[in-house]
PDB file of N, CA and C in Angstrom:
ATOM      1  N   UNK A   1      10.977 -24.429 -15.692  1.00  0.00           N
ATOM      2  CA  UNK A   1      11.960 -23.303 -15.685  1.00  0.00           C
ATOM      3  C   UNK A   1      11.298 -22.044 -16.283  1.00  0.00           C
ATOM      4  N   UNK A   2      10.594 -22.170 -17.339  1.00  0.00           N
ATOM      5  CA  UNK A   2       9.991 -21.025 -17.974  1.00  0.00           C
ATOM      6  C   UNK A   2       9.002 -20.358 -17.046  1.00  0.00           C
ATOM      7  N   UNK A   3       8.306 -21.088 -16.192  1.00  0.00           N
ATOM      8  CA  UNK A   3       7.350 -20.482 -15.243  1.00  0.00           C
ATOM      9  C   UNK A   3       8.028 -19.630 -14.246  1.00  0.00           C
ATOM     10  N   UNK A   4       9.203 -20.157 -13.757  1.00  0.00           N
ATOM     11  CA  UNK A   4       9.977 -19.348 -12.744  1.00  0.00           C
ATOM     12  C   UNK A   4      10.416 -18.063 -13.381  1.00  0.00           C
ATOM     13  N   UNK A   5      10.943 -18.077 -14.580  1.00  0.00           N
ATOM     14  CA  UNK A   5      11.347 -16.865 -15.240  1.00  0.00           C
ATOM     15  C   UNK A   5      10.189 -15.966 -15.423  1.00  0.00           C
ATOM     16  N   UNK A   6       8.954 -16.450 -15.749  1.00  0.00           N
ATOM     17  CA  UNK A   6       7.820 -15.586 -15.934  1.00  0.00           C
ATOM     18  C   UNK A   6       7.528 -14.926 -14.624  1.00  0.00           C
ATOM     19  N   UNK A   7       7.540 -15.584 -13.516  1.00  0.00           N
ATOM     20  CA  UNK A   7       7.230 -14.956 -12.192  1.00  0.00           C
ATOM     21  C   UNK A   7       8.246 -13.911 -11.905  1.00  0.00           C
ATOM     22  N   UNK A   8       9.575 -14.163 -12.094  1.00  0.00           N
ATOM     23  CA  UNK A   8      10.628 -13.223 -11.864  1.00  0.00           C
ATOM     24  C   UNK A   8      10.473 -11.970 -12.729  1.00  0.00           C
ATOM     25  N   UNK A   9       9.977 -12.074 -13.903  1.00  0.00           N
ATOM     26  CA  UNK A   9       9.762 -10.966 -14.797  1.00  0.00           C
ATOM     27  C   UNK A   9       8.552 -10.146 -14.423  1.00  0.00           C
ATOM     28  N   UNK A  10       7.500 -10.809 -13.919  1.00  0.00           N
ATOM     29  CA  UNK A  10       6.257 -10.022 -13.563  1.00  0.00           C
ATOM     30  C   UNK A  10       6.274  -9.373 -12.219  1.00  0.00           C
ATOM     31  N   UNK A  11       7.002  -9.864 -11.248  1.00  0.00           N
ATOM     32  CA  UNK A  11       6.996  -9.282  -9.945  1.00  0.00           C
ATOM     33  C   UNK A  11       7.481  -7.794  -9.933  1.00  0.00           C
ATOM     34  N   UNK A  12       8.595  -7.472 -10.637  1.00  0.00           N
ATOM     35  CA  UNK A  12       8.875  -5.973 -10.705  1.00  0.00           C
ATOM     36  C   UNK A  12       7.769  -5.105 -11.330  1.00  0.00           C
ATOM     37  N   UNK A  13       7.113  -5.660 -12.281  1.00  0.00           N
ATOM     38  CA  UNK A  13       6.021  -4.947 -12.895  1.00  0.00           C
ATOM     39  C   UNK A  13       4.875  -4.658 -11.924  1.00  0.00           C
ATOM     40  N   UNK A  14       4.520  -5.652 -11.085  1.00  0.00           N
ATOM     41  CA  UNK A  14       3.515  -5.568 -10.053  1.00  0.00           C
ATOM     42  C   UNK A  14       4.021  -4.450  -9.012  1.00  0.00           C
ATOM     43  N   UNK A  15       5.264  -4.503  -8.592  1.00  0.00           N
ATOM     44  CA  UNK A  15       5.762  -3.505  -7.675  1.00  0.00           C
ATOM     45  C   UNK A  15       5.703  -2.109  -8.243  1.00  0.00           C
ATOM     46  N   UNK A  16       6.002  -1.963  -9.516  1.00  0.00           N
ATOM     47  CA  UNK A  16       5.884  -0.625 -10.155  1.00  0.00           C
ATOM     48  C   UNK A  16       4.426  -0.102 -10.190  1.00  0.00           C
ATOM     49  N   UNK A  17       3.500  -1.023 -10.462  1.00  0.00           N
ATOM     50  CA  UNK A  17       2.092  -0.593 -10.461  1.00  0.00           C
ATOM     51  C   UNK A  17       1.601  -0.102  -9.095  1.00  0.00           C
ATOM     52  N   UNK A  18       2.071  -0.799  -8.074  1.00  0.00           N
ATOM     53  CA  UNK A  18       1.665  -0.449  -6.726  1.00  0.00           C
ATOM     54  C   UNK A  18       2.060   0.872  -6.348  1.00  0.00           C
ATOM     55  N   UNK A  19       3.286   1.305  -6.782  1.00  0.00           N
ATOM     56  CA  UNK A  19       3.733   2.654  -6.440  1.00  0.00           C
ATOM     57  C   UNK A  19       2.913   3.727  -7.120  1.00  0.00           C
ATOM     58  N   UNK A  20       2.155   3.337  -8.120  1.00  0.00           N
ATOM     59  CA  UNK A  20       1.311   4.345  -8.838  1.00  0.00           C
ATOM     60  C   UNK A  20       0.260   4.976  -7.945  1.00  0.00           C
ATOM     61  N   UNK A  21      -0.224   4.189  -6.949  1.00  0.00           N
ATOM     62  CA  UNK A  21      -1.127   4.675  -5.973  1.00  0.00           C
ATOM     63  C   UNK A  21      -0.666   5.935  -5.221  1.00  0.00           C
ATOM     64  N   UNK A  22       0.721   5.808  -4.857  1.00  0.00           N
ATOM     65  CA  UNK A  22       1.339   6.957  -4.172  1.00  0.00           C
ATOM     66  C   UNK A  22       1.574   8.169  -5.027  1.00  0.00           C
ATOM     67  N   UNK A  23       1.542   7.970  -6.347  1.00  0.00           N
ATOM     68  CA  UNK A  23       1.816   9.087  -7.302  1.00  0.00           C
ATOM     69  C   UNK A  23       0.500   9.676  -7.778  1.00  0.00           C
ATOM     70  N   UNK A  24      -0.596   9.314  -7.090  1.00  0.00           N
ATOM     71  CA  UNK A  24      -1.942   9.748  -7.457  1.00  0.00           C
ATOM     72  C   UNK A  24      -2.043  11.258  -7.595  1.00  0.00           C
ATOM     73  N   UNK A  25      -2.641  11.731  -8.649  1.00  0.00           N
ATOM     74  CA  UNK A  25      -2.948  13.190  -8.900  1.00  0.00           C
ATOM     75  C   UNK A  25      -4.395  13.454  -8.617  1.00  0.00           C
ATOM     76  N   UNK A  26      -4.847  13.966  -7.510  1.00  0.00           N
ATOM     77  CA  UNK A  26      -6.238  14.090  -7.150  1.00  0.00           C
ATOM     78  C   UNK A  26      -6.875  15.202  -7.972  1.00  0.00           C
ATOM     79  N   UNK A  27      -8.228  15.119  -7.997  1.00  0.00           N
ATOM     80  CA  UNK A  27      -9.009  16.156  -8.605  1.00  0.00           C
ATOM     81  C   UNK A  27      -9.466  17.177  -7.566  1.00  0.00           C
ATOM     82  N   UNK A  28      -9.247  18.438  -7.794  1.00  0.00           N
ATOM     83  CA  UNK A  28      -9.640  19.424  -6.824  1.00  0.00           C
ATOM     84  C   UNK A  28     -10.944  20.162  -7.285  1.00  0.00           C
ATOM     85  N   UNK A  29     -11.609  20.665  -6.247  1.00  0.00           N
ATOM     86  CA  UNK A  29     -12.801  21.466  -6.502  1.00  0.00           C
ATOM     87  C   UNK A  29     -12.306  22.886  -6.363  1.00  0.00           C
ATOM     88  N   UNK A  30     -11.948  23.513  -7.498  1.00  0.00           N
ATOM     89  CA  UNK A  30     -11.477  24.895  -7.487  1.00  0.00           C
ATOM     90  C   UNK A  30     -10.020  24.915  -7.798  1.00  0.00           C
ATOM     91  N   UNK A  31      -9.437  26.056  -7.765  1.00  0.00           N
ATOM     92  CA  UNK A  31      -7.971  26.172  -7.989  1.00  0.00           C
ATOM     93  C   UNK A  31      -7.210  25.772  -6.857  1.00  0.00           C
ATOM     94  N   UNK A  32      -5.989  25.211  -7.158  1.00  0.00           N
ATOM     95  CA  UNK A  32      -5.060  24.820  -6.090  1.00  0.00           C
ATOM     96  C   UNK A  32      -4.498  26.046  -5.390  1.00  0.00           C
ATOM     97  N   UNK A  33      -4.244  25.917  -4.131  1.00  0.00           N
ATOM     98  CA  UNK A  33      -3.663  26.964  -3.269  1.00  0.00           C
ATOM     99  C   UNK A  33      -2.157  26.906  -3.597  1.00  0.00           C
ATOM    100  N   UNK A  34      -1.445  27.949  -3.060  1.00  0.00           N
ATOM    101  CA  UNK A  34       0.024  28.070  -3.212  1.00  0.00           C
ATOM    102  C   UNK A  34       0.728  26.922  -2.564  1.00  0.00           C
ATOM    103  N   UNK A  35       0.107  26.354  -1.495  1.00  0.00           N
ATOM    104  CA  UNK A  35       0.792  25.300  -0.794  1.00  0.00           C
ATOM    105  C   UNK A  35       0.477  23.922  -1.351  1.00  0.00           C
ATOM    106  N   UNK A  36      -0.366  23.897  -2.383  1.00  0.00           N
ATOM    107  CA  UNK A  36      -0.858  22.505  -2.890  1.00  0.00           C
ATOM    108  C   UNK A  36       0.272  21.588  -3.308  1.00  0.00           C
ATOM    109  N   UNK A  37       1.142  22.124  -4.138  1.00  0.00           N
ATOM    110  CA  UNK A  37       2.232  21.250  -4.667  1.00  0.00           C
ATOM    111  C   UNK A  37       3.102  20.660  -3.571  1.00  0.00           C
ATOM    112  N   UNK A  38       3.502  21.503  -2.596  1.00  0.00           N
ATOM    113  CA  UNK A  38       4.370  20.954  -1.557  1.00  0.00           C
ATOM    114  C   UNK A  38       3.525  20.001  -0.646  1.00  0.00           C
ATOM    115  N   UNK A  39       2.226  20.322  -0.444  1.00  0.00           N
ATOM    116  CA  UNK A  39       1.435  19.390   0.380  1.00  0.00           C
ATOM    117  C   UNK A  39       1.226  18.033  -0.359  1.00  0.00           C
ATOM    118  N   UNK A  40       0.951  18.179  -1.783  1.00  0.00           N
ATOM    119  CA  UNK A  40       0.862  16.938  -2.546  1.00  0.00           C
ATOM    120  C   UNK A  40       2.037  16.006  -2.472  1.00  0.00           C
ATOM    121  N   UNK A  41       3.275  16.640  -2.528  1.00  0.00           N
ATOM    122  CA  UNK A  41       4.503  15.893  -2.479  1.00  0.00           C
ATOM    123  C   UNK A  41       4.618  15.205  -1.142  1.00  0.00           C
ATOM    124  N   UNK A  42       4.285  15.948  -0.099  1.00  0.00           N
ATOM    125  CA  UNK A  42       4.393  15.412   1.315  1.00  0.00           C
ATOM    126  C   UNK A  42       3.357  14.237   1.488  1.00  0.00           C
ATOM    127  N   UNK A  43       2.228  14.419   0.966  1.00  0.00           N
ATOM    128  CA  UNK A  43       1.200  13.298   1.113  1.00  0.00           C
ATOM    129  C   UNK A  43       1.508  12.110   0.237  1.00  0.00           C
ATOM    130  N   UNK A  44       2.050  12.334  -0.941  1.00  0.00           N
ATOM    131  CA  UNK A  44       2.520  11.180  -1.798  1.00  0.00           C
ATOM    132  C   UNK A  44       3.700  10.451  -1.074  1.00  0.00           C
ATOM    133  N   UNK A  45       4.582  11.203  -0.476  1.00  0.00           N
ATOM    134  CA  UNK A  45       5.629  10.525   0.260  1.00  0.00           C
ATOM    135  C   UNK A  45       5.143   9.714   1.414  1.00  0.00           C
ATOM    136  N   UNK A  46       4.118  10.251   2.145  1.00  0.00           N
ATOM    137  CA  UNK A  46       3.529   9.565   3.202  1.00  0.00           C
ATOM    138  C   UNK A  46       2.883   8.277   2.703  1.00  0.00           C
ATOM    139  N   UNK A  47       2.165   8.291   1.640  1.00  0.00           N
ATOM    140  CA  UNK A  47       1.533   7.056   1.071  1.00  0.00           C
ATOM    141  C   UNK A  47       2.654   6.074   0.617  1.00  0.00           C
ATOM    142  N   UNK A  48       3.696   6.541  -0.016  1.00  0.00           N
ATOM    143  CA  UNK A  48       4.749   5.680  -0.503  1.00  0.00           C
ATOM    144  C   UNK A  48       5.490   4.974   0.649  1.00  0.00           C
ATOM    145  N   UNK A  49       5.557   5.669   1.788  1.00  0.00           N
ATOM    146  CA  UNK A  49       6.273   5.084   2.900  1.00  0.00           C
ATOM    147  C   UNK A  49       5.592   4.098   3.768  1.00  0.00           C
ATOM    148  N   UNK A  50       4.354   3.703   3.385  1.00  0.00           N
ATOM    149  CA  UNK A  50       3.598   2.785   4.157  1.00  0.00           C
ATOM    150  C   UNK A  50       4.096   1.333   3.778  1.00  0.00           C
ATOM    151  N   UNK A  51       5.212   0.948   4.225  1.00  0.00           N
ATOM    152  CA  UNK A  51       5.867  -0.329   3.781  1.00  0.00           C
ATOM    153  C   UNK A  51       5.069  -1.561   4.228  1.00  0.00           C
ATOM    154  N   UNK A  52       4.211  -1.392   5.200  1.00  0.00           N
ATOM    155  CA  UNK A  52       3.387  -2.544   5.647  1.00  0.00           C
ATOM    156  C   UNK A  52       2.514  -3.056   4.478  1.00  0.00           C
ATOM    157  N   UNK A  53       2.198  -2.176   3.565  1.00  0.00           N
ATOM    158  CA  UNK A  53       1.391  -2.582   2.379  1.00  0.00           C
ATOM    159  C   UNK A  53       2.182  -3.542   1.520  1.00  0.00           C
ATOM    160  N   UNK A  54       3.501  -3.293   1.414  1.00  0.00           N
ATOM    161  CA  UNK A  54       4.356  -4.105   0.537  1.00  0.00           C
ATOM    162  C   UNK A  54       4.433  -5.427   1.138  1.00  0.00           C
ATOM    163  N   UNK A  55       4.575  -5.523   2.493  1.00  0.00           N
ATOM    164  CA  UNK A  55       4.691  -6.805   3.255  1.00  0.00           C
ATOM    165  C   UNK A  55       3.408  -7.577   3.050  1.00  0.00           C
ATOM    166  N   UNK A  56       2.252  -6.881   3.132  1.00  0.00           N
ATOM    167  CA  UNK A  56       0.969  -7.573   2.925  1.00  0.00           C
ATOM    168  C   UNK A  56       0.924  -8.179   1.552  1.00  0.00           C
ATOM    169  N   UNK A  57       1.458  -7.361   0.545  1.00  0.00           N
ATOM    170  CA  UNK A  57       1.391  -7.898  -0.873  1.00  0.00           C
ATOM    171  C   UNK A  57       2.227  -9.081  -1.031  1.00  0.00           C
ATOM    172  N   UNK A  58       3.383  -9.109  -0.459  1.00  0.00           N
ATOM    173  CA  UNK A  58       4.298 -10.306  -0.520  1.00  0.00           C
ATOM    174  C   UNK A  58       3.603 -11.448   0.183  1.00  0.00           C
ATOM    175  N   UNK A  59       2.950 -11.251   1.308  1.00  0.00           N
ATOM    176  CA  UNK A  59       2.294 -12.281   1.968  1.00  0.00           C
ATOM    177  C   UNK A  59       1.141 -12.860   1.086  1.00  0.00           C
ATOM    178  N   UNK A  60       0.372 -12.027   0.477  1.00  0.00           N
ATOM    179  CA  UNK A  60      -0.683 -12.506  -0.457  1.00  0.00           C
ATOM    180  C   UNK A  60      -0.173 -13.276  -1.612  1.00  0.00           C
ATOM    181  N   UNK A  61       0.964 -12.853  -2.100  1.00  0.00           N
ATOM    182  CA  UNK A  61       1.629 -13.597  -3.232  1.00  0.00           C
ATOM    183  C   UNK A  61       2.068 -14.981  -2.812  1.00  0.00           C
ATOM    184  N   UNK A  62       2.597 -15.050  -1.603  1.00  0.00           N
ATOM    185  CA  UNK A  62       3.132 -16.370  -1.100  1.00  0.00           C
ATOM    186  C   UNK A  62       1.956 -17.288  -0.814  1.00  0.00           C
ATOM    187  N   UNK A  63       0.873 -16.719  -0.181  1.00  0.00           N
ATOM    188  CA  UNK A  63      -0.250 -17.619   0.108  1.00  0.00           C
ATOM    189  C   UNK A  63      -0.917 -18.013  -1.211  1.00  0.00           C
ATOM    190  N   UNK A  64      -0.973 -17.168  -2.185  1.00  0.00           N
ATOM    191  CA  UNK A  64      -1.494 -17.551  -3.570  1.00  0.00           C
ATOM    192  C   UNK A  64      -0.688 -18.666  -4.108  1.00  0.00           C
ATOM    193  N   UNK A  65       0.605 -18.549  -4.027  1.00  0.00           N
ATOM    194  CA  UNK A  65       1.513 -19.568  -4.566  1.00  0.00           C
ATOM    195  C   UNK A  65       1.233 -20.927  -3.856  1.00  0.00           C
ATOM    196  N   UNK A  66       1.189 -20.861  -2.556  1.00  0.00           N
ATOM    197  CA  UNK A  66       0.973 -22.126  -1.808  1.00  0.00           C
ATOM    198  C   UNK A  66      -0.388 -22.755  -2.156  1.00  0.00           C
ATOM    199  N   UNK A  67      -1.446 -21.967  -2.185  1.00  0.00           N
ATOM    200  CA  UNK A  67      -2.745 -22.483  -2.545  1.00  0.00           C
ATOM    201  C   UNK A  67      -2.783 -23.022  -3.975  1.00  0.00           C
ATOM    202  N   UNK A  68      -2.165 -22.323  -4.847  1.00  0.00           N
ATOM    203  CA  UNK A  68      -2.068 -22.668  -6.248  1.00  0.00           C
ATOM    204  C   UNK A  68      -1.293 -23.926  -6.461  1.00  0.00           C
ATOM    205  N   UNK A  69      -0.252 -24.116  -5.746  1.00  0.00           N
ATOM    206  CA  UNK A  69       0.534 -25.396  -5.845  1.00  0.00           C
ATOM    207  C   UNK A  69      -0.249 -26.557  -5.326  1.00  0.00           C
ATOM    208  N   UNK A  70      -1.026 -26.426  -4.314  1.00  0.00           N
ATOM    209  CA  UNK A  70      -1.840 -27.553  -3.808  1.00  0.00           C
ATOM    210  C   UNK A  70      -2.961 -27.827  -4.773  1.00  0.00           C
ATOM    211  N   UNK A  71      -3.573 -26.797  -5.281  1.00  0.00           N
ATOM    212  CA  UNK A  71      -4.641 -27.034  -6.251  1.00  0.00           C
ATOM    213  C   UNK A  71      -4.138 -27.561  -7.578  1.00  0.00           C
ATOM    214  N   UNK A  72      -3.030 -27.074  -8.019  1.00  0.00           N
ATOM    215  CA  UNK A  72      -2.452 -27.539  -9.245  1.00  0.00           C
ATOM    216  C   UNK A  72      -2.037 -28.953  -9.205  1.00  0.00           C
ATOM    217  N   UNK A  73      -1.425 -29.413  -8.088  1.00  0.00           N
ATOM    218  CA  UNK A  73      -1.063 -30.758  -7.868  1.00  0.00           C
ATOM    219  C   UNK A  73      -2.227 -31.635  -7.817  1.00  0.00           C
ATOM    220  N   UNK A  74      -3.275 -31.274  -7.150  1.00  0.00           N
ATOM    221  CA  UNK A  74      -4.497 -32.079  -6.964  1.00  0.00           C
ATOM    222  C   UNK A  74      -5.233 -32.173  -8.321  1.00  0.00           C
ATOM    223  N   UNK A  75      -5.266 -31.107  -9.055  1.00  0.00           N
ATOM    224  CA  UNK A  75      -6.079 -31.098 -10.304  1.00  0.00           C
ATOM    225  C   UNK A  75      -5.330 -31.738 -11.456  1.00  0.00           C
ATOM    226  N   UNK A  76      -4.082 -31.365 -11.661  1.00  0.00           N
ATOM    227  CA  UNK A  76      -3.441 -31.808 -12.944  1.00  0.00           C
ATOM    228  C   UNK A  76      -2.002 -32.375 -12.672  1.00  0.00           C
ATOM    229  N   UNK A  77      -1.631 -32.470 -11.452  1.00  0.00           N
ATOM    230  CA  UNK A  77      -0.244 -32.900 -11.068  1.00  0.00           C
ATOM    231  C   UNK A  77       0.815 -31.900 -11.437  1.00  0.00           C
ATOM    232  N   UNK A  78       0.409 -30.615 -11.654  1.00  0.00           N
ATOM    233  CA  UNK A  78       1.349 -29.533 -11.993  1.00  0.00           C
ATOM    234  C   UNK A  78       1.448 -28.592 -10.844  1.00  0.00           C
ATOM    235  N   UNK A  79       2.129 -28.866  -9.863  1.00  0.00           N
ATOM    236  CA  UNK A  79       2.237 -28.006  -8.655  1.00  0.00           C
ATOM    237  C   UNK A  79       2.936 -26.678  -9.016  1.00  0.00           C
ATOM    238  N   UNK A  80       3.894 -26.703  -9.832  1.00  0.00           N
ATOM    239  CA  UNK A  80       4.621 -25.502 -10.257  1.00  0.00           C
ATOM    240  C   UNK A  80       3.683 -24.538 -11.040  1.00  0.00           C
ATOM    241  N   UNK A  81       2.993 -25.107 -11.940  1.00  0.00           N
ATOM    242  CA  UNK A  81       1.988 -24.355 -12.756  1.00  0.00           C
ATOM    243  C   UNK A  81       1.022 -23.688 -11.850  1.00  0.00           C
ATOM    244  N   UNK A  82       0.455 -24.422 -10.937  1.00  0.00           N
ATOM    245  CA  UNK A  82      -0.537 -23.919  -9.924  1.00  0.00           C
ATOM    246  C   UNK A  82       0.102 -22.837  -9.070  1.00  0.00           C
ATOM    247  N   UNK A  83       1.344 -23.104  -8.670  1.00  0.00           N
ATOM    248  CA  UNK A  83       2.048 -22.059  -7.835  1.00  0.00           C
ATOM    249  C   UNK A  83       2.189 -20.677  -8.591  1.00  0.00           C
ATOM    250  N   UNK A  84       2.534 -20.861  -9.859  1.00  0.00           N
ATOM    251  CA  UNK A  84       2.663 -19.626 -10.634  1.00  0.00           C
ATOM    252  C   UNK A  84       1.367 -18.900 -10.819  1.00  0.00           C
ATOM    253  N   UNK A  85       0.371 -19.627 -11.147  1.00  0.00           N
ATOM    254  CA  UNK A  85      -0.992 -18.982 -11.271  1.00  0.00           C
ATOM    255  C   UNK A  85      -1.469 -18.422  -9.957  1.00  0.00           C
ATOM    256  N   UNK A  86      -1.281 -19.056  -8.922  1.00  0.00           N
ATOM    257  CA  UNK A  86      -1.668 -18.653  -7.535  1.00  0.00           C
ATOM    258  C   UNK A  86      -0.839 -17.392  -7.167  1.00  0.00           C
ATOM    259  N   UNK A  87       0.364 -17.377  -7.383  1.00  0.00           N
ATOM    260  CA  UNK A  87       1.262 -16.250  -7.030  1.00  0.00           C
ATOM    261  C   UNK A  87       0.795 -15.028  -7.788  1.00  0.00           C
ATOM    262  N   UNK A  88       0.566 -15.148  -9.042  1.00  0.00           N
ATOM    263  CA  UNK A  88       0.083 -14.070  -9.890  1.00  0.00           C
ATOM    264  C   UNK A  88      -1.280 -13.535  -9.407  1.00  0.00           C
ATOM    265  N   UNK A  89      -2.172 -14.466  -9.210  1.00  0.00           N
ATOM    266  CA  UNK A  89      -3.481 -14.071  -8.753  1.00  0.00           C
ATOM    267  C   UNK A  89      -3.456 -13.335  -7.450  1.00  0.00           C
ATOM    268  N   UNK A  90      -2.721 -13.893  -6.442  1.00  0.00           N
ATOM    269  CA  UNK A  90      -2.571 -13.225  -5.179  1.00  0.00           C
ATOM    270  C   UNK A  90      -1.864 -11.943  -5.235  1.00  0.00           C
ATOM    271  N   UNK A  91      -0.799 -11.832  -6.075  1.00  0.00           N
ATOM    272  CA  UNK A  91      -0.041 -10.566  -6.200  1.00  0.00           C
ATOM    273  C   UNK A  91      -0.941  -9.473  -6.886  1.00  0.00           C
ATOM    274  N   UNK A  92      -1.711  -9.836  -7.909  1.00  0.00           N
ATOM    275  CA  UNK A  92      -2.436  -8.819  -8.647  1.00  0.00           C
ATOM    276  C   UNK A  92      -3.545  -8.312  -7.765  1.00  0.00           C
ATOM    277  N   UNK A  93      -4.307  -9.242  -7.122  1.00  0.00           N
ATOM    278  CA  UNK A  93      -5.408  -8.791  -6.242  1.00  0.00           C
ATOM    279  C   UNK A  93      -4.842  -7.850  -5.114  1.00  0.00           C
ATOM    280  N   UNK A  94      -3.755  -8.298  -4.525  1.00  0.00           N
ATOM    281  CA  UNK A  94      -3.214  -7.493  -3.393  1.00  0.00           C
ATOM    282  C   UNK A  94      -2.718  -6.142  -3.955  1.00  0.00           C
ATOM    283  N   UNK A  95      -2.064  -6.151  -5.148  1.00  0.00           N
ATOM    284  CA  UNK A  95      -1.566  -4.919  -5.688  1.00  0.00           C
ATOM    285  C   UNK A  95      -2.646  -3.908  -5.981  1.00  0.00           C
ATOM    286  N   UNK A  96      -3.801  -4.288  -6.460  1.00  0.00           N
ATOM    287  CA  UNK A  96      -4.903  -3.434  -6.725  1.00  0.00           C
ATOM    288  C   UNK A  96      -5.340  -2.867  -5.383  1.00  0.00           C
ATOM    289  N   UNK A  97      -5.395  -3.593  -4.323  1.00  0.00           N
ATOM    290  CA  UNK A  97      -5.811  -3.111  -2.994  1.00  0.00           C
ATOM    291  C   UNK A  97      -4.834  -2.121  -2.492  1.00  0.00           C
ATOM    292  N   UNK A  98      -3.538  -2.430  -2.678  1.00  0.00           N
ATOM    293  CA  UNK A  98      -2.477  -1.414  -2.233  1.00  0.00           C
ATOM    294  C   UNK A  98      -2.645  -0.106  -3.008  1.00  0.00           C
ATOM    295  N   UNK A  99      -2.844  -0.201  -4.294  1.00  0.00           N
ATOM    296  CA  UNK A  99      -2.914   1.059  -5.096  1.00  0.00           C
ATOM    297  C   UNK A  99      -4.093   1.913  -4.530  1.00  0.00           C
ATOM    298  N   UNK A 100      -5.235   1.260  -4.314  1.00  0.00           N
ATOM    299  CA  UNK A 100      -6.375   2.059  -3.766  1.00  0.00           C
ATOM    300  C   UNK A 100      -6.119   2.636  -2.360  1.00  0.00           C
ATOM    301  N   UNK A 101      -5.459   1.902  -1.565  1.00  0.00           N
ATOM    302  CA  UNK A 101      -5.180   2.362  -0.155  1.00  0.00           C
ATOM    303  C   UNK A 101      -4.207   3.548  -0.242  1.00  0.00           C
ATOM    304  N   UNK A 102      -3.235   3.472  -1.116  1.00  0.00           N
ATOM    305  CA  UNK A 102      -2.185   4.608  -1.181  1.00  0.00           C
ATOM    306  C   UNK A 102      -2.934   5.797  -1.786  1.00  0.00           C
ATOM    307  N   UNK A 103      -3.803   5.658  -2.768  1.00  0.00           N
ATOM    308  CA  UNK A 103      -4.534   6.783  -3.330  1.00  0.00           C
ATOM    309  C   UNK A 103      -5.407   7.413  -2.182  1.00  0.00           C
ATOM    310  N   UNK A 104      -6.066   6.596  -1.391  1.00  0.00           N
ATOM    311  CA  UNK A 104      -6.826   7.090  -0.342  1.00  0.00           C
ATOM    312  C   UNK A 104      -6.005   7.934   0.691  1.00  0.00           C
ATOM    313  N   UNK A 105      -4.892   7.504   0.951  1.00  0.00           N
ATOM    314  CA  UNK A 105      -3.982   8.235   1.845  1.00  0.00           C
ATOM    315  C   UNK A 105      -3.665   9.578   1.300  1.00  0.00           C
ATOM    316  N   UNK A 106      -3.331   9.636  -0.012  1.00  0.00           N
ATOM    317  CA  UNK A 106      -3.097  10.915  -0.594  1.00  0.00           C
ATOM    318  C   UNK A 106      -4.278  11.893  -0.522  1.00  0.00           C
ATOM    319  N   UNK A 107      -5.428  11.343  -0.824  1.00  0.00           N
ATOM    320  CA  UNK A 107      -6.714  12.152  -0.792  1.00  0.00           C
ATOM    321  C   UNK A 107      -6.915  12.664   0.662  1.00  0.00           C
ATOM    322  N   UNK A 108      -6.937  11.731   1.566  1.00  0.00           N
ATOM    323  CA  UNK A 108      -7.263  12.144   2.986  1.00  0.00           C
ATOM    324  C   UNK A 108      -6.183  13.043   3.555  1.00  0.00           C
ATOM    325  N   UNK A 109      -4.956  12.776   3.308  1.00  0.00           N
ATOM    326  CA  UNK A 109      -3.899  13.696   3.756  1.00  0.00           C
ATOM    327  C   UNK A 109      -4.141  15.134   3.162  1.00  0.00           C
ATOM    328  N   UNK A 110      -4.461  15.194   1.919  1.00  0.00           N
ATOM    329  CA  UNK A 110      -4.682  16.588   1.327  1.00  0.00           C
ATOM    330  C   UNK A 110      -5.911  17.210   1.996  1.00  0.00           C
ATOM    331  N   UNK A 111      -6.969  16.384   2.206  1.00  0.00           N
ATOM    332  CA  UNK A 111      -8.176  16.998   2.799  1.00  0.00           C
ATOM    333  C   UNK A 111      -7.762  17.490   4.205  1.00  0.00           C
ATOM    334  N   UNK A 112      -6.955  16.700   4.928  1.00  0.00           N
ATOM    335  CA  UNK A 112      -6.589  17.113   6.275  1.00  0.00           C
ATOM    336  C   UNK A 112      -5.752  18.433   6.264  1.00  0.00           C
ATOM    337  N   UNK A 113      -5.088  18.749   5.158  1.00  0.00           N
ATOM    338  CA  UNK A 113      -4.395  19.905   5.073  1.00  0.00           C
ATOM    339  C   UNK A 113      -5.157  21.085   4.475  1.00  0.00           C
ATOM    340  N   UNK A 114      -6.458  20.852   4.345  1.00  0.00           N
ATOM    341  CA  UNK A 114      -7.372  21.868   3.949  1.00  0.00           C
ATOM    342  C   UNK A 114      -7.648  22.016   2.462  1.00  0.00           C
ATOM    343  N   UNK A 115      -7.238  21.159   1.684  1.00  0.00           N
ATOM    344  CA  UNK A 115      -7.501  21.214   0.185  1.00  0.00           C
ATOM    345  C   UNK A 115      -8.807  20.573  -0.053  1.00  0.00           C
ATOM    346  N   UNK A 116      -9.498  21.140  -1.047  1.00  0.00           N
ATOM    347  CA  UNK A 116     -10.844  20.639  -1.487  1.00  0.00           C
ATOM    348  C   UNK A 116     -10.687  19.556  -2.502  1.00  0.00           C
ATOM    349  N   UNK A 117     -10.379  18.329  -2.060  1.00  0.00           N
ATOM    350  CA  UNK A 117     -10.164  17.211  -2.936  1.00  0.00           C
ATOM    351  C   UNK A 117     -11.534  16.505  -3.138  1.00  0.00           C
ATOM    352  N   UNK A 118     -11.912  16.248  -4.364  1.00  0.00           N
ATOM    353  CA  UNK A 118     -13.167  15.555  -4.632  1.00  0.00           C
ATOM    354  C   UNK A 118     -12.908  14.074  -5.080  1.00  0.00           C
ATOM    355  N   UNK A 119     -11.714  13.801  -5.457  1.00  0.00           N
ATOM    356  CA  UNK A 119     -11.390  12.428  -5.844  1.00  0.00           C
ATOM    357  C   UNK A 119     -10.069  12.213  -6.509  1.00  0.00           C
TER     358      UNK A 119
END
């Protein structure tokens, strides 16, 4: 029961971290133009609205839980413990990927709008 509570407590934290990629504040080469803030907001919204990333993250978490349950049962007879570990591992790895992809969307969107973004 404690393990289920732990998963339930950690999943919202993972979701909050993933959104941080859409809130990325890029580094500019030079001074921002007058349109920068509105373009940044639009690009961040574009990154945030890529819901397929959230679906991929849930899929990775579920696959991690399944693999962890199988390995946990085979190794120590603790399928639930393995599922918890697998879900966390799959969720964390996928969340890092989603953060990086959303940051990349913000950067490329701003570059496409003519801003000199270096990172």
